[in-house]
Amino acid sequence: MTRWEIAEAYRKQSFNCAQCVLLSFGDLTGLTEETAKAIAGGLGGGFGGCKEEACGALSGAVLVLGLLVPHTQADDLDAKRRVYEAAAEFRRRFAERFGCTRCGGLLALEPKPEDRQLAERLGSRRICAAFIAETVVLLEAYLKELRLMAE
């Protein structure tokens, strides 16, 4: 099963976008399923469903990056710089791919035909299904570039 298929399986169980993305990288993050669900639980729908903040799929991806490019020591400014750079670059790629990073903004945009088709293939009337799957694919490619994931 591919990572995006894992994410899709969680989406079909009604987990939020952030949870789906984070859970699909469980083999790399080392988080238990329960912990990943709890950590990302409030990040769906633009933070708590308000749709005013970052897309949950993007938030889940940034959680993955934080775990794989950790900044855990207060005086480790290189680690802090690395995780900030990784998160900022992924945010840029996400915005380039989808046209926006805010949940409500994404939902207000006219979906790209390929995203609408992907959501339909996934059996969803909600475009979020495509955002989740594509975010997982984008993150996989980025992690491979960073050499944090095998080819």
C-alpha atoms as a PDB file:
ATOM      1  CA  MET A   1       0.000   0.000   0.000  1.00  0.00           C
ATOM      2  CA  THR A   2       1.403   3.414  -0.925  1.00  0.00           C
ATOM      3  CA  ARG A   3       1.578   6.274   1.570  1.00  0.00           C
ATOM      4  CA  TRP A   4      -1.172   8.204  -0.165  1.00  0.00           C
ATOM      5  CA  GLU A   5      -3.342   5.074  -0.056  1.00  0.00           C
ATOM      6  CA  ILE A   6      -2.653   4.826   3.690  1.00  0.00           C
ATOM      7  CA  ALA A   7      -3.648   8.478   4.071  1.00  0.00           C
ATOM      8  CA  GLU A   8      -6.782   7.850   2.010  1.00  0.00           C
ATOM      9  CA  ALA A   9      -7.739   4.881   4.194  1.00  0.00           C
ATOM     10  CA  TYR A  10      -7.574   7.126   7.269  1.00  0.00           C
ATOM     11  CA  ARG A  11      -9.564   9.851   5.476  1.00  0.00           C
ATOM     12  CA  LYS A  12     -12.295   7.326   4.732  1.00  0.00           C
ATOM     13  CA  GLN A  13     -12.445   6.666   8.473  1.00  0.00           C
ATOM     14  CA  SER A  14     -13.122  10.409   8.981  1.00  0.00           C
ATOM     15  CA  PHE A  15      -9.729  11.406  10.345  1.00  0.00           C
ATOM     16  CA  ASN A  16      -8.782  14.983   9.519  1.00  0.00           C
ATOM     17  CA  CYS A  17      -6.300  16.074   6.859  1.00  0.00           C
ATOM     18  CA  ALA A  18      -3.425  16.596   9.299  1.00  0.00           C
ATOM     19  CA  GLN A  19      -3.969  13.211  10.911  1.00  0.00           C
ATOM     20  CA  CYS A  20      -4.081  11.458   7.529  1.00  0.00           C
ATOM     21  CA  VAL A  21      -0.792  12.959   6.376  1.00  0.00           C
ATOM     22  CA  LEU A  22       1.014  12.392   9.686  1.00  0.00           C
ATOM     23  CA  LEU A  23      -0.284   8.829  10.005  1.00  0.00           C
ATOM     24  CA  SER A  24       0.894   7.924   6.505  1.00  0.00           C
ATOM     25  CA  PHE A  25       4.497   8.594   7.572  1.00  0.00           C
ATOM     26  CA  GLY A  26       4.288   6.572  10.787  1.00  0.00           C
ATOM     27  CA  ASP A  27       7.091   4.245   9.736  1.00  0.00           C
ATOM     28  CA  LEU A  28       9.451   7.236   9.533  1.00  0.00           C
ATOM     29  CA  THR A  29       8.256   9.294  12.499  1.00  0.00           C
ATOM     30  CA  GLY A  30       8.173   6.472  15.022  1.00  0.00           C
ATOM     31  CA  LEU A  31       4.927   7.774  16.505  1.00  0.00           C
ATOM     32  CA  THR A  32       2.316   5.298  17.568  1.00  0.00           C
ATOM     33  CA  GLU A  33      -0.970   5.532  15.725  1.00  0.00           C
ATOM     34  CA  GLU A  34      -2.668   6.768  18.892  1.00  0.00           C
ATOM     35  CA  THR A  35      -0.068   9.501  19.487  1.00  0.00           C
ATOM     36  CA  ALA A  36      -0.141  10.675  15.858  1.00  0.00           C
ATOM     37  CA  LYS A  37      -3.928  10.912  15.945  1.00  0.00           C
ATOM     38  CA  ALA A  38      -3.800  12.899  19.181  1.00  0.00           C
ATOM     39  CA  ILE A  39      -1.048  15.300  18.091  1.00  0.00           C
ATOM     40  CA  ALA A  40      -2.759  16.207  14.817  1.00  0.00           C
ATOM     41  CA  GLY A  41      -6.319  16.028  16.109  1.00  0.00           C
ATOM     42  CA  GLY A  42      -6.875  19.784  16.398  1.00  0.00           C
ATOM     43  CA  LEU A  43      -5.133  20.747  13.158  1.00  0.00           C
ATOM     44  CA  GLY A  44      -7.797  19.730  10.669  1.00  0.00           C
ATOM     45  CA  GLY A  45      -9.955  22.216   8.844  1.00  0.00           C
ATOM     46  CA  GLY A  46      -7.549  25.108   9.232  1.00  0.00           C
ATOM     47  CA  PHE A  47      -7.081  24.578  12.992  1.00  0.00           C
ATOM     48  CA  GLY A  48     -10.132  23.265  14.762  1.00  0.00           C
ATOM     49  CA  GLY A  49     -12.363  23.458  11.711  1.00  0.00           C
ATOM     50  CA  CYS A  50     -12.304  27.274  11.545  1.00  0.00           C
ATOM     51  CA  LYS A  51     -10.876  27.184   7.989  1.00  0.00           C
ATOM     52  CA  GLU A  52      -9.011  30.439   8.703  1.00  0.00           C
ATOM     53  CA  GLU A  53      -5.544  28.981   9.151  1.00  0.00           C
ATOM     54  CA  ALA A  54      -3.182  26.555   7.388  1.00  0.00           C
ATOM     55  CA  CYS A  55      -4.601  23.574   5.527  1.00  0.00           C
ATOM     56  CA  GLY A  56      -4.567  20.504   7.737  1.00  0.00           C
ATOM     57  CA  ALA A  57      -2.659  18.494   5.132  1.00  0.00           C
ATOM     58  CA  LEU A  58       0.086  21.130   5.177  1.00  0.00           C
ATOM     59  CA  SER A  59       0.078  21.142   8.981  1.00  0.00           C
ATOM     60  CA  GLY A  60       0.456  17.349   9.025  1.00  0.00           C
ATOM     61  CA  ALA A  61       3.384  17.591   6.615  1.00  0.00           C
ATOM     62  CA  VAL A  62       5.096  20.188   8.823  1.00  0.00           C
ATOM     63  CA  LEU A  63       4.665  17.854  11.808  1.00  0.00           C
ATOM     64  CA  VAL A  64       6.420  15.119   9.826  1.00  0.00           C
ATOM     65  CA  LEU A  65       9.242  17.521   8.971  1.00  0.00           C
ATOM     66  CA  GLY A  66       9.559  18.562  12.612  1.00  0.00           C
ATOM     67  CA  LEU A  67       9.996  14.957  13.627  1.00  0.00           C
ATOM     68  CA  LEU A  68      12.486  14.145  10.867  1.00  0.00           C
ATOM     69  CA  VAL A  69      14.477  17.407  11.070  1.00  0.00           C
ATOM     70  CA  PRO A  70      14.218  17.903  14.832  1.00  0.00           C
ATOM     71  CA  HIS A  71      15.079  20.980  16.860  1.00  0.00           C
ATOM     72  CA  THR A  72      15.132  19.685  20.426  1.00  0.00           C
ATOM     73  CA  GLN A  73      17.933  21.585  22.146  1.00  0.00           C
ATOM     74  CA  ALA A  74      17.423  25.279  22.918  1.00  0.00           C
ATOM     75  CA  ASP A  75      20.988  26.220  21.999  1.00  0.00           C
ATOM     76  CA  ASP A  76      21.062  24.220  18.750  1.00  0.00           C
ATOM     77  CA  LEU A  77      20.461  27.097  16.365  1.00  0.00           C
ATOM     78  CA  ASP A  78      21.595  25.043  13.362  1.00  0.00           C
ATOM     79  CA  ALA A  79      18.830  22.516  14.015  1.00  0.00           C
ATOM     80  CA  LYS A  80      16.318  25.344  14.405  1.00  0.00           C
ATOM     81  CA  ARG A  81      17.462  26.865  11.111  1.00  0.00           C
ATOM     82  CA  ARG A  82      17.261  23.487   9.337  1.00  0.00           C
ATOM     83  CA  VAL A  83      13.694  22.735  10.438  1.00  0.00           C
ATOM     84  CA  TYR A  84      12.556  26.287   9.643  1.00  0.00           C
ATOM     85  CA  GLU A  85      14.120  26.042   6.190  1.00  0.00           C
ATOM     86  CA  ALA A  86      12.558  22.637   5.575  1.00  0.00           C
ATOM     87  CA  ALA A  87       9.103  23.810   6.688  1.00  0.00           C
ATOM     88  CA  ALA A  88       9.325  27.054   4.704  1.00  0.00           C
ATOM     89  CA  GLU A  89      10.431  25.250   1.548  1.00  0.00           C
ATOM     90  CA  PHE A  90       7.657  22.682   1.848  1.00  0.00           C
ATOM     91  CA  ARG A  91       5.115  25.455   2.421  1.00  0.00           C
ATOM     92  CA  ARG A  92       6.400  27.157  -0.744  1.00  0.00           C
ATOM     93  CA  ARG A  93       6.030  23.937  -2.751  1.00  0.00           C
ATOM     94  CA  PHE A  94       2.539  23.362  -1.365  1.00  0.00           C
ATOM     95  CA  ALA A  95       1.487  26.910  -2.290  1.00  0.00           C
ATOM     96  CA  GLU A  96       2.980  26.516  -5.749  1.00  0.00           C
ATOM     97  CA  ARG A  97       1.107  23.253  -6.294  1.00  0.00           C
ATOM     98  CA  PHE A  98      -2.267  24.308  -4.907  1.00  0.00           C
ATOM     99  CA  GLY A  99      -2.261  28.105  -5.165  1.00  0.00           C
ATOM    100  CA  CYS A 100      -2.801  28.804  -1.465  1.00  0.00           C
ATOM    101  CA  THR A 101      -1.944  27.424   1.986  1.00  0.00           C
ATOM    102  CA  ARG A 102      -4.991  28.482   4.023  1.00  0.00           C
ATOM    103  CA  CYS A 103      -7.793  25.931   4.355  1.00  0.00           C
ATOM    104  CA  GLY A 104     -10.614  28.338   3.530  1.00  0.00           C
ATOM    105  CA  GLY A 105      -8.625  29.860   0.694  1.00  0.00           C
ATOM    106  CA  LEU A 106      -8.041  26.452  -0.862  1.00  0.00           C
ATOM    107  CA  LEU A 107     -11.705  25.572  -0.580  1.00  0.00           C
ATOM    108  CA  ALA A 108     -12.690  28.891  -2.198  1.00  0.00           C
ATOM    109  CA  LEU A 109     -10.451  28.356  -5.239  1.00  0.00           C
ATOM    110  CA  GLU A 110     -11.776  26.680  -8.342  1.00  0.00           C
ATOM    111  CA  PRO A 111     -10.172  23.219  -8.058  1.00  0.00           C
ATOM    112  CA  LYS A 112      -7.684  22.250 -10.732  1.00  0.00           C
ATOM    113  CA  PRO A 113      -9.219  19.645 -13.049  1.00  0.00           C
ATOM    114  CA  GLU A 114      -6.636  17.037 -12.021  1.00  0.00           C
ATOM    115  CA  ASP A 115      -7.469  17.577  -8.333  1.00  0.00           C
ATOM    116  CA  ARG A 116     -11.217  17.300  -8.975  1.00  0.00           C
ATOM    117  CA  GLN A 117     -10.619  14.102 -10.986  1.00  0.00           C
ATOM    118  CA  LEU A 118      -8.424  12.645  -8.242  1.00  0.00           C
ATOM    119  CA  ALA A 119     -11.045  13.389  -5.578  1.00  0.00           C
ATOM    120  CA  GLU A 120     -13.696  11.725  -7.743  1.00  0.00           C
ATOM    121  CA  ARG A 121     -11.465   8.669  -8.291  1.00  0.00           C
ATOM    122  CA  LEU A 122     -11.068   8.480  -4.522  1.00  0.00           C
ATOM    123  CA  GLY A 123     -14.848   8.459  -4.205  1.00  0.00           C
ATOM    124  CA  SER A 124     -15.078  11.852  -2.540  1.00  0.00           C
ATOM    125  CA  ARG A 125     -17.177  14.901  -3.325  1.00  0.00           C
ATOM    126  CA  ARG A 126     -14.755  16.951  -1.205  1.00  0.00           C
ATOM    127  CA  ILE A 127     -11.601  18.298  -2.836  1.00  0.00           C
ATOM    128  CA  CYS A 128      -9.741  17.721   0.443  1.00  0.00           C
ATOM    129  CA  ALA A 129      -9.241  14.084  -0.573  1.00  0.00           C
ATOM    130  CA  ALA A 130      -7.023  15.277  -3.435  1.00  0.00           C
ATOM    131  CA  PHE A 131      -5.174  17.747  -1.184  1.00  0.00           C
ATOM    132  CA  ILE A 132      -4.339  14.954   1.267  1.00  0.00           C
ATOM    133  CA  ALA A 133      -3.127  12.498  -1.379  1.00  0.00           C
ATOM    134  CA  GLU A 134      -1.119  15.105  -3.276  1.00  0.00           C
ATOM    135  CA  THR A 135       0.436  16.495  -0.085  1.00  0.00           C
ATOM    136  CA  VAL A 136       1.679  13.013   0.790  1.00  0.00           C
ATOM    137  CA  VAL A 137       3.197  12.643  -2.692  1.00  0.00           C
ATOM    138  CA  LEU A 138       4.812  16.118  -2.477  1.00  0.00           C
ATOM    139  CA  LEU A 139       6.225  15.353   0.959  1.00  0.00           C
ATOM    140  CA  GLU A 140       7.617  11.994  -0.149  1.00  0.00           C
ATOM    141  CA  ALA A 141       9.473  13.675  -3.004  1.00  0.00           C
ATOM    142  CA  TYR A 142      10.805  16.394  -0.708  1.00  0.00           C
ATOM    143  CA  LEU A 143      11.964  13.909   1.927  1.00  0.00           C
ATOM    144  CA  LYS A 144      13.814  11.973  -0.766  1.00  0.00           C
ATOM    145  CA  GLU A 145      15.550  15.191  -1.856  1.00  0.00           C
ATOM    146  CA  LEU A 146      16.556  15.802   1.752  1.00  0.00           C
ATOM    147  CA  ARG A 147      17.748  12.198   1.967  1.00  0.00           C
ATOM    148  CA  LEU A 148      15.395  11.561   4.878  1.00  0.00           C
ATOM    149  CA  MET A 149      13.634   8.796   3.000  1.00  0.00           C
ATOM    150  CA  ALA A 150      14.911   6.039   0.739  1.00  0.00           C
ATOM    151  CA  GLU A 151      14.316   6.302  -2.985  1.00  0.00           C
END
